[in-house]
Amino acid sequence: MTAHVFVFGFVQGVGYRQSVKRKARSLGLTGWVKNLSDGRVEVTFCGPKEKIGEAIDFCKKGPFLSEVKHLDIEWEDKDYSYSGFDVTR
């Protein structure tokens, strides 16, 4: 299962990507997280749906300094072959 998540709000420059990476790795998920030029953060989570759900719950809050307004989530039944979970540019 794969979820593409777009995070809106004050989520750049506050450690959001690193905190998502730590959470995803702790849940055994693969994928990536990156900043977008319009101020959003984009995340791709791959793994079991229940673990992705836990990661998405974390994304709704984010780290201490972030202010998440809302998430757009796109689900796919496909599971991409990522070797781990990374911050990309």
PDB file of N, CA and C in Angstrom:
ATOM      1  N   MET A   1       0.860  -1.175   0.000  1.00  0.00           N
ATOM      2  CA  MET A   1       0.000   0.000   0.000  1.00  0.00           C
ATOM      3  C   MET A   1       0.899   1.229   0.000  1.00  0.00           C
ATOM      4  N   THR A   2       0.455   2.266  -0.678  1.00  0.00           N
ATOM      5  CA  THR A   2       1.206   3.520  -0.758  1.00  0.00           C
ATOM      6  C   THR A   2       0.261   4.692  -0.517  1.00  0.00           C
ATOM      7  N   ALA A   3       0.744   5.672   0.225  1.00  0.00           N
ATOM      8  CA  ALA A   3       0.006   6.921   0.420  1.00  0.00           C
ATOM      9  C   ALA A   3       0.905   8.079   0.029  1.00  0.00           C
ATOM     10  N   HIS A   4       0.375   8.960  -0.822  1.00  0.00           N
ATOM     11  CA  HIS A   4       1.046  10.214  -1.154  1.00  0.00           C
ATOM     12  C   HIS A   4       0.344  11.282  -0.326  1.00  0.00           C
ATOM     13  N   VAL A   5       1.115  11.987   0.487  1.00  0.00           N
ATOM     14  CA  VAL A   5       0.548  12.960   1.416  1.00  0.00           C
ATOM     15  C   VAL A   5       1.127  14.340   1.102  1.00  0.00           C
ATOM     16  N   PHE A   6       0.239  15.303   0.988  1.00  0.00           N
ATOM     17  CA  PHE A   6       0.639  16.692   0.798  1.00  0.00           C
ATOM     18  C   PHE A   6       0.229  17.448   2.058  1.00  0.00           C
ATOM     19  N   VAL A   7       1.217  18.065   2.705  1.00  0.00           N
ATOM     20  CA  VAL A   7       1.007  18.717   3.995  1.00  0.00           C
ATOM     21  C   VAL A   7       1.010  20.227   3.798  1.00  0.00           C
ATOM     22  N   PHE A   8      -0.056  20.873   4.237  1.00  0.00           N
ATOM     23  CA  PHE A   8      -0.219  22.324   4.124  1.00  0.00           C
ATOM     24  C   PHE A   8      -0.051  22.966   5.489  1.00  0.00           C
ATOM     25  N   GLY A   9       0.526  24.159   5.518  1.00  0.00           N
ATOM     26  CA  GLY A   9       0.683  24.901   6.758  1.00  0.00           C
ATOM     27  C   GLY A   9       2.099  25.425   6.895  1.00  0.00           C
ATOM     28  N   PHE A  10       2.487  25.715   8.122  1.00  0.00           N
ATOM     29  CA  PHE A  10       3.852  26.166   8.419  1.00  0.00           C
ATOM     30  C   PHE A  10       4.666  24.912   8.714  1.00  0.00           C
ATOM     31  N   VAL A  11       5.230  24.321   7.641  1.00  0.00           N
ATOM     32  CA  VAL A  11       5.871  23.012   7.770  1.00  0.00           C
ATOM     33  C   VAL A  11       7.276  22.960   7.166  1.00  0.00           C
ATOM     34  N   GLN A  12       7.811  24.100   6.776  1.00  0.00           N
ATOM     35  CA  GLN A  12       9.186  24.136   6.277  1.00  0.00           C
ATOM     36  C   GLN A  12      10.040  24.967   7.217  1.00  0.00           C
ATOM     37  N   GLY A  13      11.270  24.493   7.444  1.00  0.00           N
ATOM     38  CA  GLY A  13      12.192  25.209   8.320  1.00  0.00           C
ATOM     39  C   GLY A  13      11.961  24.946   9.795  1.00  0.00           C
ATOM     40  N   VAL A  14      11.192  23.913  10.120  1.00  0.00           N
ATOM     41  CA  VAL A  14      10.876  23.612  11.519  1.00  0.00           C
ATOM     42  C   VAL A  14      11.206  22.163  11.894  1.00  0.00           C
ATOM     43  N   GLY A  15      11.978  21.466  11.040  1.00  0.00           N
ATOM     44  CA  GLY A  15      12.344  20.077  11.324  1.00  0.00           C
ATOM     45  C   GLY A  15      11.278  19.074  10.947  1.00  0.00           C
ATOM     46  N   TYR A  16      10.317  19.490  10.150  1.00  0.00           N
ATOM     47  CA  TYR A  16       9.198  18.605   9.801  1.00  0.00           C
ATOM     48  C   TYR A  16       9.674  17.365   9.043  1.00  0.00           C
ATOM     49  N   ARG A  17      10.502  17.550   8.008  1.00  0.00           N
ATOM     50  CA  ARG A  17      10.942  16.406   7.205  1.00  0.00           C
ATOM     51  C   ARG A  17      11.730  15.395   8.030  1.00  0.00           C
ATOM     52  N   GLN A  18      12.628  15.870   8.868  1.00  0.00           N
ATOM     53  CA  GLN A  18      13.427  14.951   9.685  1.00  0.00           C
ATOM     54  C   GLN A  18      12.556  14.189  10.683  1.00  0.00           C
ATOM     55  N   SER A  19      11.570  14.856  11.249  1.00  0.00           N
ATOM     56  CA  SER A  19      10.700  14.175  12.214  1.00  0.00           C
ATOM     57  C   SER A  19       9.829  13.129  11.513  1.00  0.00           C
ATOM     58  N   VAL A  20       9.368  13.430  10.288  1.00  0.00           N
ATOM     59  CA  VAL A  20       8.601  12.444   9.523  1.00  0.00           C
ATOM     60  C   VAL A  20       9.483  11.253   9.174  1.00  0.00           C
ATOM     61  N   LYS A  21      10.728  11.516   8.794  1.00  0.00           N
ATOM     62  CA  LYS A  21      11.662  10.424   8.484  1.00  0.00           C
ATOM     63  C   LYS A  21      11.855   9.516   9.698  1.00  0.00           C
ATOM     64  N   ARG A  22      12.083  10.096  10.863  1.00  0.00           N
ATOM     65  CA  ARG A  22      12.267   9.284  12.076  1.00  0.00           C
ATOM     66  C   ARG A  22      11.028   8.441  12.363  1.00  0.00           C
ATOM     67  N   LYS A  23       9.852   9.046  12.248  1.00  0.00           N
ATOM     68  CA  LYS A  23       8.608   8.325  12.526  1.00  0.00           C
ATOM     69  C   LYS A  23       8.418   7.186  11.534  1.00  0.00           C
ATOM     70  N   ALA A  24       8.614   7.458  10.254  1.00  0.00           N
ATOM     71  CA  ALA A  24       8.445   6.429   9.227  1.00  0.00           C
ATOM     72  C   ALA A  24       9.403   5.266   9.453  1.00  0.00           C
ATOM     73  N   ARG A  25      10.649   5.578   9.730  1.00  0.00           N
ATOM     74  CA  ARG A  25      11.632   4.508   9.976  1.00  0.00           C
ATOM     75  C   ARG A  25      11.270   3.704  11.213  1.00  0.00           C
ATOM     76  N   SER A  26      10.771   4.362  12.244  1.00  0.00           N
ATOM     77  CA  SER A  26      10.394   3.637  13.466  1.00  0.00           C
ATOM     78  C   SER A  26       9.223   2.687  13.218  1.00  0.00           C
ATOM     79  N   LEU A  27       8.398   2.999  12.211  1.00  0.00           N
ATOM     80  CA  LEU A  27       7.251   2.158  11.861  1.00  0.00           C
ATOM     81  C   LEU A  27       7.595   1.119  10.791  1.00  0.00           C
ATOM     82  N   GLY A  28       8.832   1.147  10.295  1.00  0.00           N
ATOM     83  CA  GLY A  28       9.251   0.205   9.266  1.00  0.00           C
ATOM     84  C   GLY A  28       8.737   0.539   7.878  1.00  0.00           C
ATOM     85  N   LEU A  29       8.378   1.804   7.644  1.00  0.00           N
ATOM     86  CA  LEU A  29       7.872   2.223   6.339  1.00  0.00           C
ATOM     87  C   LEU A  29       9.024   2.649   5.434  1.00  0.00           C
ATOM     88  N   THR A  30       8.801   2.578   4.129  1.00  0.00           N
ATOM     89  CA  THR A  30       9.756   3.085   3.164  1.00  0.00           C
ATOM     90  C   THR A  30       9.115   4.253   2.420  1.00  0.00           C
ATOM     91  N   GLY A  31       9.949   5.005   1.689  1.00  0.00           N
ATOM     92  CA  GLY A  31       9.439   6.135   0.923  1.00  0.00           C
ATOM     93  C   GLY A  31      10.349   7.325   1.038  1.00  0.00           C
ATOM     94  N   TRP A  32       9.756   8.510   0.976  1.00  0.00           N
ATOM     95  CA  TRP A  32      10.538   9.743   1.006  1.00  0.00           C
ATOM     96  C   TRP A  32       9.673  10.923   1.433  1.00  0.00           C
ATOM     97  N   VAL A  33      10.363  12.011   1.784  1.00  0.00           N
ATOM     98  CA  VAL A  33       9.705  13.266   2.162  1.00  0.00           C
ATOM     99  C   VAL A  33      10.530  14.406   1.578  1.00  0.00           C
ATOM    100  N   LYS A  34       9.839  15.438   1.055  1.00  0.00           N
ATOM    101  CA  LYS A  34      10.559  16.584   0.503  1.00  0.00           C
ATOM    102  C   LYS A  34       9.736  17.855   0.625  1.00  0.00           C
ATOM    103  N   ASN A  35      10.445  18.995   0.623  1.00  0.00           N
ATOM    104  CA  ASN A  35       9.803  20.304   0.569  1.00  0.00           C
ATOM    105  C   ASN A  35       9.400  20.600  -0.862  1.00  0.00           C
ATOM    106  N   LEU A  36       8.276  21.273  -1.031  1.00  0.00           N
ATOM    107  CA  LEU A  36       7.856  21.750  -2.339  1.00  0.00           C
ATOM    108  C   LEU A  36       8.039  23.258  -2.407  1.00  0.00           C
ATOM    109  N   SER A  37       8.198  23.781  -3.597  1.00  0.00           N
ATOM    110  CA  SER A  37       8.490  25.208  -3.758  1.00  0.00           C
ATOM    111  C   SER A  37       7.348  26.118  -3.314  1.00  0.00           C
ATOM    112  N   ASP A  38       6.140  25.572  -3.189  1.00  0.00           N
ATOM    113  CA  ASP A  38       4.988  26.386  -2.769  1.00  0.00           C
ATOM    114  C   ASP A  38       4.764  26.384  -1.255  1.00  0.00           C
ATOM    115  N   GLY A  39       5.706  25.811  -0.491  1.00  0.00           N
ATOM    116  CA  GLY A  39       5.605  25.813   0.972  1.00  0.00           C
ATOM    117  C   GLY A  39       5.028  24.545   1.566  1.00  0.00           C
ATOM    118  N   ARG A  40       4.497  23.660   0.734  1.00  0.00           N
ATOM    119  CA  ARG A  40       3.984  22.384   1.233  1.00  0.00           C
ATOM    120  C   ARG A  40       5.131  21.390   1.408  1.00  0.00           C
ATOM    121  N   VAL A  41       4.827  20.302   2.094  1.00  0.00           N
ATOM    122  CA  VAL A  41       5.722  19.156   2.181  1.00  0.00           C
ATOM    123  C   VAL A  41       4.998  17.983   1.545  1.00  0.00           C
ATOM    124  N   GLU A  42       5.725  17.216   0.729  1.00  0.00           N
ATOM    125  CA  GLU A  42       5.170  16.019   0.090  1.00  0.00           C
ATOM    126  C   GLU A  42       5.827  14.788   0.692  1.00  0.00           C
ATOM    127  N   VAL A  43       5.007  13.776   0.986  1.00  0.00           N
ATOM    128  CA  VAL A  43       5.503  12.545   1.591  1.00  0.00           C
ATOM    129  C   VAL A  43       4.929  11.352   0.826  1.00  0.00           C
ATOM    130  N   THR A  44       5.746  10.337   0.614  1.00  0.00           N
ATOM    131  CA  THR A  44       5.276   9.062   0.095  1.00  0.00           C
ATOM    132  C   THR A  44       5.608   7.997   1.129  1.00  0.00           C
ATOM    133  N   PHE A  45       4.585   7.335   1.640  1.00  0.00           N
ATOM    134  CA  PHE A  45       4.746   6.236   2.589  1.00  0.00           C
ATOM    135  C   PHE A  45       4.385   4.933   1.894  1.00  0.00           C
ATOM    136  N   CYS A  46       5.209   3.898   2.062  1.00  0.00           N
ATOM    137  CA  CYS A  46       4.913   2.563   1.534  1.00  0.00           C
ATOM    138  C   CYS A  46       5.015   1.555   2.671  1.00  0.00           C
ATOM    139  N   GLY A  47       4.035   0.656   2.736  1.00  0.00           N
ATOM    140  CA  GLY A  47       4.038  -0.372   3.769  1.00  0.00           C
ATOM    141  C   GLY A  47       2.623  -0.776   4.117  1.00  0.00           C
ATOM    142  N   PRO A  48       2.452  -1.439   5.263  1.00  0.00           N
ATOM    143  CA  PRO A  48       1.115  -1.850   5.702  1.00  0.00           C
ATOM    144  C   PRO A  48       0.218  -0.641   5.979  1.00  0.00           C
ATOM    145  N   LYS A  49      -1.034  -0.748   5.588  1.00  0.00           N
ATOM    146  CA  LYS A  49      -1.967   0.381   5.712  1.00  0.00           C
ATOM    147  C   LYS A  49      -2.089   0.900   7.145  1.00  0.00           C
ATOM    148  N   GLU A  50      -2.108   0.001   8.128  1.00  0.00           N
ATOM    149  CA  GLU A  50      -2.251   0.454   9.520  1.00  0.00           C
ATOM    150  C   GLU A  50      -1.030   1.251   9.977  1.00  0.00           C
ATOM    151  N   LYS A  51       0.165   0.863   9.518  1.00  0.00           N
ATOM    152  CA  LYS A  51       1.380   1.616   9.870  1.00  0.00           C
ATOM    153  C   LYS A  51       1.394   2.972   9.157  1.00  0.00           C
ATOM    154  N   ILE A  52       0.955   2.988   7.904  1.00  0.00           N
ATOM    155  CA  ILE A  52       0.850   4.261   7.186  1.00  0.00           C
ATOM    156  C   ILE A  52      -0.135   5.177   7.912  1.00  0.00           C
ATOM    157  N   GLY A  53      -1.225   4.610   8.405  1.00  0.00           N
ATOM    158  CA  GLY A  53      -2.200   5.398   9.162  1.00  0.00           C
ATOM    159  C   GLY A  53      -1.580   6.048  10.384  1.00  0.00           C
ATOM    160  N   GLU A  54      -0.698   5.312  11.078  1.00  0.00           N
ATOM    161  CA  GLU A  54      -0.007   5.885  12.238  1.00  0.00           C
ATOM    162  C   GLU A  54       0.895   7.041  11.806  1.00  0.00           C
ATOM    163  N   ALA A  55       1.579   6.876  10.680  1.00  0.00           N
ATOM    164  CA  ALA A  55       2.460   7.928  10.176  1.00  0.00           C
ATOM    165  C   ALA A  55       1.649   9.157   9.777  1.00  0.00           C
ATOM    166  N   ILE A  56       0.507   8.940   9.161  1.00  0.00           N
ATOM    167  CA  ILE A  56      -0.353  10.062   8.769  1.00  0.00           C
ATOM    168  C   ILE A  56      -0.869  10.796   9.999  1.00  0.00           C
ATOM    169  N   ASP A  57      -1.233  10.062  11.039  1.00  0.00           N
ATOM    170  CA  ASP A  57      -1.647  10.710  12.291  1.00  0.00           C
ATOM    171  C   ASP A  57      -0.539  11.614  12.820  1.00  0.00           C
ATOM    172  N   PHE A  58       0.710  11.139  12.729  1.00  0.00           N
ATOM    173  CA  PHE A  58       1.838  11.964  13.160  1.00  0.00           C
ATOM    174  C   PHE A  58       1.950  13.215  12.283  1.00  0.00           C
ATOM    175  N   CYS A  59       1.763  13.046  10.968  1.00  0.00           N
ATOM    176  CA  CYS A  59       1.864  14.181  10.040  1.00  0.00           C
ATOM    177  C   CYS A  59       0.843  15.264  10.343  1.00  0.00           C
ATOM    178  N   LYS A  60      -0.294  14.875  10.882  1.00  0.00           N
ATOM    179  CA  LYS A  60      -1.342  15.857  11.208  1.00  0.00           C
ATOM    180  C   LYS A  60      -0.888  16.815  12.295  1.00  0.00           C
ATOM    181  N   LYS A  61       0.020  16.363  13.158  1.00  0.00           N
ATOM    182  CA  LYS A  61       0.528  17.193  14.256  1.00  0.00           C
ATOM    183  C   LYS A  61       1.886  17.790  13.913  1.00  0.00           C
ATOM    184  N   GLY A  62       2.794  16.941  13.449  1.00  0.00           N
ATOM    185  CA  GLY A  62       4.155  17.377  13.136  1.00  0.00           C
ATOM    186  C   GLY A  62       4.958  17.667  14.386  1.00  0.00           C
ATOM    187  N   PRO A  63       6.180  18.192  14.208  1.00  0.00           N
ATOM    188  CA  PRO A  63       7.020  18.527  15.354  1.00  0.00           C
ATOM    189  C   PRO A  63       6.525  19.783  16.060  1.00  0.00           C
ATOM    190  N   PHE A  64       7.146  20.099  17.163  1.00  0.00           N
ATOM    191  CA  PHE A  64       6.724  21.165  18.073  1.00  0.00           C
ATOM    192  C   PHE A  64       6.461  22.507  17.381  1.00  0.00           C
ATOM    193  N   LEU A  65       7.342  22.960  16.517  1.00  0.00           N
ATOM    194  CA  LEU A  65       7.221  24.301  15.940  1.00  0.00           C
ATOM    195  C   LEU A  65       6.328  24.368  14.702  1.00  0.00           C
ATOM    196  N   SER A  66       5.909  23.230  14.171  1.00  0.00           N
ATOM    197  CA  SER A  66       5.103  23.255  12.944  1.00  0.00           C
ATOM    198  C   SER A  66       3.648  23.601  13.252  1.00  0.00           C
ATOM    199  N   GLU A  67       2.958  24.081  12.227  1.00  0.00           N
ATOM    200  CA  GLU A  67       1.520  24.362  12.311  1.00  0.00           C
ATOM    201  C   GLU A  67       0.862  23.761  11.072  1.00  0.00           C
ATOM    202  N   VAL A  68       0.362  22.542  11.214  1.00  0.00           N
ATOM    203  CA  VAL A  68      -0.250  21.844  10.088  1.00  0.00           C
ATOM    204  C   VAL A  68      -1.693  22.324   9.938  1.00  0.00           C
ATOM    205  N   LYS A  69      -2.026  22.785   8.743  1.00  0.00           N
ATOM    206  CA  LYS A  69      -3.398  23.245   8.447  1.00  0.00           C
ATOM    207  C   LYS A  69      -4.271  22.079   7.992  1.00  0.00           C
ATOM    208  N   HIS A  70      -3.796  21.335   7.005  1.00  0.00           N
ATOM    209  CA  HIS A  70      -4.518  20.141   6.575  1.00  0.00           C
ATOM    210  C   HIS A  70      -3.643  19.277   5.676  1.00  0.00           C
ATOM    211  N   LEU A  71      -4.116  18.063   5.416  1.00  0.00           N
ATOM    212  CA  LEU A  71      -3.420  17.103   4.564  1.00  0.00           C
ATOM    213  C   LEU A  71      -4.315  16.723   3.396  1.00  0.00           C
ATOM    214  N   ASP A  72      -3.717  16.525   2.234  1.00  0.00           N
ATOM    215  CA  ASP A  72      -4.372  15.868   1.111  1.00  0.00           C
ATOM    216  C   ASP A  72      -3.696  14.516   0.972  1.00  0.00           C
ATOM    217  N   ILE A  73      -4.486  13.450   0.909  1.00  0.00           N
ATOM    218  CA  ILE A  73      -3.938  12.096   0.873  1.00  0.00           C
ATOM    219  C   ILE A  73      -4.472  11.369  -0.348  1.00  0.00           C
ATOM    220  N   GLU A  74      -3.566  10.768  -1.108  1.00  0.00           N
ATOM    221  CA  GLU A  74      -3.918   9.951  -2.263  1.00  0.00           C
ATOM    222  C   GLU A  74      -3.403   8.537  -2.008  1.00  0.00           C
ATOM    223  N   TRP A  75      -4.299   7.557  -2.017  1.00  0.00           N
ATOM    224  CA  TRP A  75      -3.953   6.157  -1.753  1.00  0.00           C
ATOM    225  C   TRP A  75      -3.785   5.383  -3.054  1.00  0.00           C
ATOM    226  N   GLU A  76      -2.845   4.440  -3.048  1.00  0.00           N
ATOM    227  CA  GLU A  76      -2.643   3.516  -4.158  1.00  0.00           C
ATOM    228  C   GLU A  76      -2.464   2.113  -3.588  1.00  0.00           C
ATOM    229  N   ASP A  77      -2.973   1.118  -4.315  1.00  0.00           N
ATOM    230  CA  ASP A  77      -2.762  -0.269  -3.892  1.00  0.00           C
ATOM    231  C   ASP A  77      -1.356  -0.757  -4.212  1.00  0.00           C
ATOM    232  N   LYS A  78      -0.649  -0.041  -5.036  1.00  0.00           N
ATOM    233  CA  LYS A  78       0.700  -0.414  -5.434  1.00  0.00           C
ATOM    234  C   LYS A  78       1.688  -0.144  -4.300  1.00  0.00           C
ATOM    235  N   ASP A  79       2.694  -1.010  -4.193  1.00  0.00           N
ATOM    236  CA  ASP A  79       3.753  -0.828  -3.202  1.00  0.00           C
ATOM    237  C   ASP A  79       5.065  -0.634  -3.951  1.00  0.00           C
ATOM    238  N   TYR A  80       5.622   0.552  -3.917  1.00  0.00           N
ATOM    239  CA  TYR A  80       6.854   0.856  -4.631  1.00  0.00           C
ATOM    240  C   TYR A  80       8.050   0.265  -3.898  1.00  0.00           C
ATOM    241  N   SER A  81       9.113   0.018  -4.614  1.00  0.00           N
ATOM    242  CA  SER A  81      10.305  -0.619  -4.056  1.00  0.00           C
ATOM    243  C   SER A  81      11.341   0.426  -3.630  1.00  0.00           C
ATOM    244  N   TYR A  82      11.157   0.993  -2.468  1.00  0.00           N
ATOM    245  CA  TYR A  82      12.157   1.905  -1.908  1.00  0.00           C
ATOM    246  C   TYR A  82      12.985   1.127  -0.898  1.00  0.00           C
ATOM    247  N   SER A  83      14.272   1.442  -0.829  1.00  0.00           N
ATOM    248  CA  SER A  83      15.148   0.680   0.063  1.00  0.00           C
ATOM    249  C   SER A  83      15.081   1.167   1.510  1.00  0.00           C
ATOM    250  N   GLY A  84      14.553   2.339   1.738  1.00  0.00           N
ATOM    251  CA  GLY A  84      14.437   2.882   3.079  1.00  0.00           C
ATOM    252  C   GLY A  84      13.539   4.098   3.040  1.00  0.00           C
ATOM    253  N   PHE A  85      13.700   4.974   4.005  1.00  0.00           N
ATOM    254  CA  PHE A  85      12.921   6.213   4.019  1.00  0.00           C
ATOM    255  C   PHE A  85      13.896   7.367   4.093  1.00  0.00           C
ATOM    256  N   ASP A  86      13.816   8.287   3.117  1.00  0.00           N
ATOM    257  CA  ASP A  86      14.804   9.344   2.997  1.00  0.00           C
ATOM    258  C   ASP A  86      14.176  10.719   2.823  1.00  0.00           C
ATOM    259  N   VAL A  87      14.968  11.738   3.154  1.00  0.00           N
ATOM    260  CA  VAL A  87      14.634  13.120   2.833  1.00  0.00           C
ATOM    261  C   VAL A  87      15.228  13.385   1.460  1.00  0.00           C
ATOM    262  N   THR A  88      14.398  13.868   0.527  1.00  0.00           N
ATOM    263  CA  THR A  88      14.906  14.179  -0.823  1.00  0.00           C
ATOM    264  C   THR A  88      14.742  15.651  -1.105  1.00  0.00           C
ATOM    265  N   ARG A  89      15.315  16.087  -2.213  1.00  0.00           N
ATOM    266  CA  ARG A  89      15.223  17.490  -2.622  1.00  0.00           C
ATOM    267  C   ARG A  89      14.494  17.607  -3.921  1.00  0.00           C
TER     268      ARG A  89
END
